[in-house]
Amino acid sequence: MKPDTSQWRDPQAYAFVKGAAADVIAREFLRRNPQYQQDFAASHSAKAMRAFRKRWGLQFRRQT
């Protein structure tokens, strides 16, 4: 998962940040972090996912 960096200087690409909640900004930060991307890609098992959540301090809502 390689992020699209072609528009990183375009202010419109970041307009969502003005009214965004902290969790939205945090998600965007993590999504762009290469180490997070690598860890996420490697978390295929339940054990690996637990380690991933602990390392990155994440909690996921249960799907209903």
C-alpha atoms as a PDB file:
ATOM      1  CA  MET A   1       0.000   0.000   0.000  1.00  0.00           C
ATOM      2  CA  LYS A   2       1.872   3.031  -1.250  1.00  0.00           C
ATOM      3  CA  PRO A   3       0.171   6.370  -0.531  1.00  0.00           C
ATOM      4  CA  ASP A   4      -0.529   8.796  -3.348  1.00  0.00           C
ATOM      5  CA  THR A   5       1.818  11.718  -2.729  1.00  0.00           C
ATOM      6  CA  SER A   6       1.148  13.530  -5.993  1.00  0.00           C
ATOM      7  CA  GLN A   7      -1.122  16.130  -4.375  1.00  0.00           C
ATOM      8  CA  TRP A   8       0.669  16.645  -1.073  1.00  0.00           C
ATOM      9  CA  ARG A   9       1.232  20.375  -1.683  1.00  0.00           C
ATOM     10  CA  ASP A  10      -2.381  21.035  -2.668  1.00  0.00           C
ATOM     11  CA  PRO A  11      -4.198  22.797   0.241  1.00  0.00           C
ATOM     12  CA  GLN A  12      -7.524  21.361  -0.947  1.00  0.00           C
ATOM     13  CA  ALA A  13      -6.205  17.864  -0.302  1.00  0.00           C
ATOM     14  CA  TYR A  14      -6.073  18.746   3.409  1.00  0.00           C
ATOM     15  CA  ALA A  15      -9.252  20.800   3.721  1.00  0.00           C
ATOM     16  CA  PHE A  16     -10.871  17.984   5.728  1.00  0.00           C
ATOM     17  CA  VAL A  17      -8.452  18.668   8.612  1.00  0.00           C
ATOM     18  CA  LYS A  18     -10.009  22.012   9.558  1.00  0.00           C
ATOM     19  CA  GLY A  19     -13.072  20.466  11.167  1.00  0.00           C
ATOM     20  CA  ALA A  20     -11.747  16.962  11.746  1.00  0.00           C
ATOM     21  CA  ALA A  21     -11.816  15.216  15.086  1.00  0.00           C
ATOM     22  CA  ALA A  22      -8.564  14.027  16.635  1.00  0.00           C
ATOM     23  CA  ASP A  23      -9.244  10.390  15.725  1.00  0.00           C
ATOM     24  CA  VAL A  24      -9.607  11.293  12.040  1.00  0.00           C
ATOM     25  CA  ILE A  25      -6.304  13.153  12.040  1.00  0.00           C
ATOM     26  CA  ALA A  26      -4.605  10.312  13.938  1.00  0.00           C
ATOM     27  CA  ARG A  27      -5.892   7.776  11.425  1.00  0.00           C
ATOM     28  CA  GLU A  28      -4.575   9.851   8.546  1.00  0.00           C
ATOM     29  CA  PHE A  29      -1.180  10.124  10.241  1.00  0.00           C
ATOM     30  CA  LEU A  30      -0.982   6.374  10.795  1.00  0.00           C
ATOM     31  CA  ARG A  31      -2.231   5.557   7.314  1.00  0.00           C
ATOM     32  CA  ARG A  32       0.726   7.429   5.843  1.00  0.00           C
ATOM     33  CA  ASN A  33       3.341   5.955   8.194  1.00  0.00           C
ATOM     34  CA  PRO A  34       5.521   3.375   6.360  1.00  0.00           C
ATOM     35  CA  GLN A  35       6.195   1.310   9.509  1.00  0.00           C
ATOM     36  CA  TYR A  36       2.458   1.180  10.278  1.00  0.00           C
ATOM     37  CA  GLN A  37       1.784   0.043   6.710  1.00  0.00           C
ATOM     38  CA  GLN A  38       4.377  -2.711   7.031  1.00  0.00           C
ATOM     39  CA  ASP A  39       3.054  -3.880  10.413  1.00  0.00           C
ATOM     40  CA  PHE A  40      -0.529  -3.863   9.162  1.00  0.00           C
ATOM     41  CA  ALA A  41       0.390  -5.914   6.099  1.00  0.00           C
ATOM     42  CA  ALA A  42       2.129  -8.470   8.333  1.00  0.00           C
ATOM     43  CA  SER A  43      -0.761  -8.863  10.820  1.00  0.00           C
ATOM     44  CA  HIS A  44      -2.561 -11.834   9.258  1.00  0.00           C
ATOM     45  CA  SER A  45      -3.146 -13.948  12.359  1.00  0.00           C
ATOM     46  CA  ALA A  46      -5.109 -13.092  15.496  1.00  0.00           C
ATOM     47  CA  LYS A  47      -1.881 -13.157  17.537  1.00  0.00           C
ATOM     48  CA  ALA A  48      -0.162 -10.797  15.104  1.00  0.00           C
ATOM     49  CA  MET A  49      -3.207  -8.485  15.143  1.00  0.00           C
ATOM     50  CA  ARG A  50      -3.114  -8.323  18.951  1.00  0.00           C
ATOM     51  CA  ALA A  51       0.575  -7.366  18.812  1.00  0.00           C
ATOM     52  CA  PHE A  52      -0.193  -4.814  16.096  1.00  0.00           C
ATOM     53  CA  ARG A  53      -2.972  -3.214  18.166  1.00  0.00           C
ATOM     54  CA  LYS A  54      -0.780  -3.118  21.262  1.00  0.00           C
ATOM     55  CA  ARG A  55       2.192  -1.604  19.432  1.00  0.00           C
ATOM     56  CA  TRP A  56       0.129   1.135  17.797  1.00  0.00           C
ATOM     57  CA  GLY A  57      -2.286   1.682  20.711  1.00  0.00           C
ATOM     58  CA  LEU A  58      -5.345   0.852  18.633  1.00  0.00           C
ATOM     59  CA  GLN A  59      -8.760  -0.502  19.447  1.00  0.00           C
ATOM     60  CA  PHE A  60     -11.142  -1.631  16.743  1.00  0.00           C
ATOM     61  CA  ARG A  61     -14.899  -1.659  17.031  1.00  0.00           C
ATOM     62  CA  ARG A  62     -16.604  -4.980  16.604  1.00  0.00           C
ATOM     63  CA  GLN A  63     -18.462  -5.354  13.355  1.00  0.00           C
ATOM     64  CA  THR A  64     -22.159  -5.959  13.835  1.00  0.00           C
END
